[in-house]
Amino acid sequence: MLANPPFAGSLDYESCAKDLLQIVKTKKTELLFLTLFLRLLKPASRGCPKGFNERTAQSFCVPKSDIVEQGYDLSINRYKEVVHEEVDHRPPQVILSELEK
């Protein structure tokens, strides 16, 4: 089963499925999603393809220990690594002189 979970947010208790609230009493969308996902999985099935993508990729796996360490906060910014590429720009004077021509 594949799905794109909400990474952060909250709902009103009134708009949450009552059967999910019986399992986990929370308004956090990411925890409600996990509860639903686990309920829908069949025994011995997987919630996502096992992968070894780097944390800079669009999708990647996170060890459970990391999630526990973050207090079960599923905000992607807690786990995704951002790589800043150095960009070599031309000096402003060169650009201005080209524009003048």
N, C-alpha and C. Protein backbone atom coordinates (compact mmCIF):
# COMPACT_ATOMS: atom_id res chain seq x y z
N MET A 1 0.85 -1.17 0.00
CA MET A 1 0.00 0.00 0.00
C MET A 1 0.90 1.23 0.00
N LEU A 2 0.64 2.13 -0.90
CA LEU A 2 1.38 3.38 -0.98
C LEU A 2 0.43 4.54 -0.75
N ALA A 3 0.92 5.56 -0.07
CA ALA A 3 0.10 6.74 0.16
C ALA A 3 1.01 7.92 0.45
N ASN A 4 0.47 9.11 0.29
CA ASN A 4 1.20 10.32 0.59
C ASN A 4 0.60 10.90 1.87
N PRO A 5 1.26 10.69 3.00
CA PRO A 5 0.67 11.14 4.27
C PRO A 5 0.77 12.64 4.46
N PRO A 6 -0.14 13.18 5.25
CA PRO A 6 0.01 14.58 5.65
C PRO A 6 1.14 14.64 6.68
N PHE A 7 2.03 15.60 6.56
CA PHE A 7 3.15 15.65 7.47
C PHE A 7 2.89 16.50 8.70
N ALA A 8 1.96 17.38 8.63
CA ALA A 8 1.62 18.19 9.80
C ALA A 8 0.25 18.79 9.59
N GLY A 9 -0.40 19.07 10.68
CA GLY A 9 -1.72 19.67 10.62
C GLY A 9 -2.59 19.12 11.73
N SER A 10 -3.75 19.69 11.88
CA SER A 10 -4.68 19.19 12.88
C SER A 10 -6.11 19.44 12.41
N LEU A 11 -7.00 18.64 12.95
CA LEU A 11 -8.42 18.71 12.62
C LEU A 11 -9.22 18.93 13.89
N ASP A 12 -10.46 19.29 13.73
CA ASP A 12 -11.37 19.33 14.87
C ASP A 12 -11.78 17.91 15.19
N TYR A 13 -11.98 17.60 16.47
CA TYR A 13 -12.40 16.26 16.86
C TYR A 13 -13.70 15.87 16.15
N GLU A 14 -14.58 16.84 15.92
CA GLU A 14 -15.87 16.55 15.30
C GLU A 14 -15.71 16.06 13.86
N SER A 15 -14.65 16.48 13.18
CA SER A 15 -14.47 16.07 11.79
C SER A 15 -13.63 14.81 11.64
N CYS A 16 -13.12 14.27 12.74
CA CYS A 16 -12.32 13.04 12.69
C CYS A 16 -13.22 11.81 12.72
N ALA A 17 -12.80 10.75 12.08
CA ALA A 17 -13.55 9.49 12.10
C ALA A 17 -13.57 8.96 13.53
N LYS A 18 -14.74 8.65 14.02
CA LYS A 18 -14.90 8.21 15.41
C LYS A 18 -14.14 6.92 15.70
N ASP A 19 -14.11 6.00 14.71
CA ASP A 19 -13.41 4.74 14.94
C ASP A 19 -11.90 4.95 15.08
N LEU A 20 -11.35 5.96 14.41
CA LEU A 20 -9.93 6.25 14.57
C LEU A 20 -9.64 6.89 15.92
N LEU A 21 -10.57 7.75 16.37
CA LEU A 21 -10.39 8.40 17.67
C LEU A 21 -10.47 7.40 18.83
N GLN A 22 -11.12 6.25 18.61
CA GLN A 22 -11.16 5.22 19.64
C GLN A 22 -9.78 4.57 19.80
N ILE A 23 -9.00 4.58 18.73
CA ILE A 23 -7.66 3.98 18.77
C ILE A 23 -6.63 4.98 19.28
N VAL A 24 -6.70 6.20 18.76
CA VAL A 24 -5.76 7.24 19.16
C VAL A 24 -6.53 8.55 19.27
N LYS A 25 -6.54 9.13 20.45
CA LYS A 25 -7.28 10.38 20.66
C LYS A 25 -6.33 11.54 20.38
N THR A 26 -6.38 12.01 19.14
CA THR A 26 -5.53 13.11 18.71
C THR A 26 -6.20 13.87 17.58
N LYS A 27 -5.78 15.10 17.39
CA LYS A 27 -6.26 15.90 16.27
C LYS A 27 -5.18 16.01 15.19
N LYS A 28 -4.00 15.46 15.46
CA LYS A 28 -2.89 15.57 14.52
C LYS A 28 -3.12 14.67 13.31
N THR A 29 -3.09 15.27 12.13
CA THR A 29 -3.40 14.52 10.92
C THR A 29 -2.40 13.40 10.64
N GLU A 30 -1.13 13.63 10.96
CA GLU A 30 -0.14 12.59 10.68
C GLU A 30 -0.35 11.35 11.53
N LEU A 31 -0.79 11.52 12.77
CA LEU A 31 -1.05 10.36 13.64
C LEU A 31 -2.35 9.66 13.25
N LEU A 32 -3.36 10.44 12.87
CA LEU A 32 -4.60 9.83 12.39
C LEU A 32 -4.35 9.05 11.11
N PHE A 33 -3.49 9.58 10.23
CA PHE A 33 -3.14 8.88 9.00
C PHE A 33 -2.48 7.55 9.31
N LEU A 34 -1.50 7.56 10.21
CA LEU A 34 -0.82 6.31 10.57
C LEU A 34 -1.79 5.29 11.16
N THR A 35 -2.72 5.76 11.98
CA THR A 35 -3.71 4.86 12.56
C THR A 35 -4.56 4.22 11.47
N LEU A 36 -5.02 5.03 10.54
CA LEU A 36 -5.81 4.51 9.42
C LEU A 36 -4.98 3.55 8.58
N PHE A 37 -3.76 3.94 8.28
CA PHE A 37 -2.87 3.12 7.44
C PHE A 37 -2.64 1.75 8.08
N LEU A 38 -2.34 1.75 9.36
CA LEU A 38 -2.09 0.48 10.06
C LEU A 38 -3.34 -0.39 10.11
N ARG A 39 -4.48 0.25 10.23
CA ARG A 39 -5.74 -0.51 10.25
C ARG A 39 -6.02 -1.15 8.90
N LEU A 40 -5.65 -0.47 7.81
CA LEU A 40 -5.92 -0.99 6.47
C LEU A 40 -4.93 -2.05 6.01
N LEU A 41 -3.75 -2.07 6.60
CA LEU A 41 -2.74 -3.06 6.19
C LEU A 41 -3.17 -4.47 6.57
N LYS A 42 -2.91 -5.39 5.69
CA LYS A 42 -3.18 -6.80 5.98
C LYS A 42 -1.95 -7.39 6.67
N PRO A 43 -2.11 -8.48 7.44
CA PRO A 43 -0.96 -9.10 8.10
C PRO A 43 0.14 -9.44 7.09
N ALA A 44 1.37 -9.19 7.46
CA ALA A 44 2.57 -9.48 6.66
C ALA A 44 2.69 -8.60 5.42
N SER A 45 1.92 -7.50 5.35
CA SER A 45 2.05 -6.61 4.21
C SER A 45 2.97 -5.45 4.59
N ARG A 46 3.29 -4.63 3.61
CA ARG A 46 4.18 -3.50 3.84
C ARG A 46 3.44 -2.20 3.58
N GLY A 47 3.82 -1.20 4.33
CA GLY A 47 3.22 0.11 4.15
C GLY A 47 3.88 0.92 3.05
N CYS A 48 5.07 0.54 2.66
CA CYS A 48 5.76 1.23 1.58
C CYS A 48 6.89 0.32 1.09
N PRO A 49 7.42 0.58 -0.12
CA PRO A 49 8.54 -0.26 -0.60
C PRO A 49 9.80 0.02 0.21
N LYS A 50 10.43 -1.05 0.55
CA LYS A 50 11.67 -0.90 1.29
C LYS A 50 12.66 -0.25 0.35
N GLY A 51 13.37 0.81 0.78
CA GLY A 51 14.29 1.53 -0.09
C GLY A 51 15.45 2.09 0.70
N PHE A 52 16.32 2.37 -0.01
CA PHE A 52 17.51 2.94 0.62
C PHE A 52 17.86 4.29 0.04
N ASN A 53 16.89 5.14 -0.39
CA ASN A 53 17.13 6.46 -0.94
C ASN A 53 17.80 7.34 0.10
N GLU A 54 18.61 8.25 -0.36
CA GLU A 54 19.24 9.24 0.52
C GLU A 54 18.17 10.19 1.04
N ARG A 55 18.41 10.82 2.16
CA ARG A 55 17.44 11.74 2.74
C ARG A 55 17.33 13.06 1.98
N THR A 56 18.08 13.18 0.91
CA THR A 56 17.94 14.36 0.05
C THR A 56 16.97 14.09 -1.08
N ALA A 57 16.56 12.84 -1.26
CA ALA A 57 15.65 12.45 -2.35
C ALA A 57 14.23 12.87 -2.02
N GLN A 58 13.35 12.75 -3.02
CA GLN A 58 11.94 13.12 -2.83
C GLN A 58 11.26 12.17 -1.84
N SER A 59 11.65 10.91 -1.86
CA SER A 59 11.11 9.95 -0.90
C SER A 59 12.27 9.17 -0.30
N PHE A 60 12.13 8.81 0.96
CA PHE A 60 13.19 8.10 1.66
C PHE A 60 12.61 7.43 2.90
N CYS A 61 13.33 6.46 3.41
CA CYS A 61 12.91 5.75 4.62
C CYS A 61 13.60 6.37 5.83
N VAL A 62 12.91 6.34 6.95
CA VAL A 62 13.45 6.85 8.20
C VAL A 62 13.36 5.74 9.23
N PRO A 63 14.45 5.43 9.91
CA PRO A 63 14.39 4.40 10.95
C PRO A 63 13.43 4.79 12.07
N LYS A 64 12.76 3.80 12.61
CA LYS A 64 11.80 4.05 13.69
C LYS A 64 12.46 4.77 14.86
N SER A 65 13.71 4.44 15.13
CA SER A 65 14.40 5.07 16.26
C SER A 65 14.49 6.59 16.08
N ASP A 66 14.67 7.04 14.83
CA ASP A 66 14.71 8.49 14.57
C ASP A 66 13.35 9.13 14.82
N ILE A 67 12.29 8.42 14.44
CA ILE A 67 10.94 8.94 14.64
C ILE A 67 10.62 9.01 16.14
N VAL A 68 11.00 7.98 16.88
CA VAL A 68 10.79 7.97 18.33
C VAL A 68 11.56 9.12 18.97
N GLU A 69 12.81 9.30 18.53
CA GLU A 69 13.66 10.37 19.06
C GLU A 69 13.05 11.75 18.84
N GLN A 70 12.30 11.92 17.75
CA GLN A 70 11.65 13.19 17.43
C GLN A 70 10.26 13.30 18.05
N GLY A 71 9.92 12.38 18.95
CA GLY A 71 8.61 12.43 19.60
C GLY A 71 7.46 12.14 18.66
N TYR A 72 7.70 11.28 17.68
CA TYR A 72 6.71 10.88 16.68
C TYR A 72 6.22 12.06 15.84
N ASP A 73 7.02 13.10 15.75
CA ASP A 73 6.71 14.23 14.89
C ASP A 73 7.09 13.84 13.46
N LEU A 74 6.12 13.82 12.56
CA LEU A 74 6.36 13.38 11.20
C LEU A 74 6.59 14.53 10.23
N SER A 75 6.91 15.70 10.73
CA SER A 75 7.22 16.82 9.85
C SER A 75 8.46 16.48 9.03
N ILE A 76 8.34 16.60 7.72
CA ILE A 76 9.42 16.18 6.83
C ILE A 76 10.72 16.93 7.11
N ASN A 77 10.60 18.18 7.57
CA ASN A 77 11.80 18.97 7.85
C ASN A 77 12.66 18.39 8.97
N ARG A 78 12.08 17.53 9.77
CA ARG A 78 12.85 16.88 10.84
C ARG A 78 13.79 15.80 10.29
N TYR A 79 13.49 15.29 9.11
CA TYR A 79 14.22 14.12 8.59
C TYR A 79 14.91 14.37 7.26
N LYS A 80 14.37 15.23 6.44
CA LYS A 80 14.95 15.47 5.11
C LYS A 80 16.20 16.33 5.23
N GLU A 81 17.23 15.92 4.52
CA GLU A 81 18.46 16.70 4.47
C GLU A 81 18.43 17.59 3.24
N VAL A 82 18.70 18.85 3.43
CA VAL A 82 18.71 19.81 2.33
C VAL A 82 20.16 20.06 1.94
N VAL A 83 20.43 19.93 0.68
CA VAL A 83 21.78 20.19 0.17
C VAL A 83 21.74 21.50 -0.60
N HIS A 84 22.54 22.42 -0.17
CA HIS A 84 22.62 23.71 -0.85
C HIS A 84 23.79 23.65 -1.83
N GLU A 85 23.48 23.87 -3.09
CA GLU A 85 24.51 23.85 -4.11
C GLU A 85 25.08 25.26 -4.26
N GLU A 86 26.39 25.32 -4.36
CA GLU A 86 27.04 26.62 -4.57
C GLU A 86 26.88 27.01 -6.04
N VAL A 87 26.41 28.22 -6.25
CA VAL A 87 26.19 28.72 -7.60
C VAL A 87 27.20 29.83 -7.86
N ASP A 88 27.85 29.74 -8.99
CA ASP A 88 28.85 30.73 -9.36
C ASP A 88 28.20 31.76 -10.27
N HIS A 89 27.95 32.95 -9.73
CA HIS A 89 27.33 34.02 -10.51
C HIS A 89 28.39 34.93 -11.10
N ARG A 90 28.05 35.52 -12.23
CA ARG A 90 28.94 36.51 -12.82
C ARG A 90 28.90 37.78 -11.98
N PRO A 91 29.98 38.50 -11.92
CA PRO A 91 29.99 39.76 -11.15
C PRO A 91 28.95 40.73 -11.69
N PRO A 92 28.32 41.51 -10.82
CA PRO A 92 27.28 42.45 -11.25
C PRO A 92 27.78 43.44 -12.32
N GLN A 93 29.04 43.89 -12.22
CA GLN A 93 29.55 44.84 -13.21
C GLN A 93 29.58 44.24 -14.62
N VAL A 94 29.88 42.97 -14.71
CA VAL A 94 29.91 42.29 -16.01
C VAL A 94 28.50 42.24 -16.60
N ILE A 95 27.53 41.90 -15.76
CA ILE A 95 26.14 41.84 -16.22
C ILE A 95 25.66 43.22 -16.65
N LEU A 96 25.98 44.24 -15.85
CA LEU A 96 25.56 45.62 -16.18
C LEU A 96 26.19 46.10 -17.49
N SER A 97 27.45 45.77 -17.68
CA SER A 97 28.10 46.20 -18.93
C SER A 97 27.50 45.50 -20.14
N GLU A 98 27.11 44.23 -19.98
CA GLU A 98 26.43 43.52 -21.07
C GLU A 98 25.07 44.12 -21.38
N LEU A 99 24.39 44.56 -20.33
CA LEU A 99 23.08 45.18 -20.53
C LEU A 99 23.20 46.53 -21.23
N GLU A 100 24.25 47.24 -20.93
CA GLU A 100 24.46 48.54 -21.57
C GLU A 100 24.72 48.39 -23.07
N LYS A 101 25.40 47.31 -23.46
CA LYS A 101 25.69 47.06 -24.87
C LYS A 101 24.40 46.75 -25.59
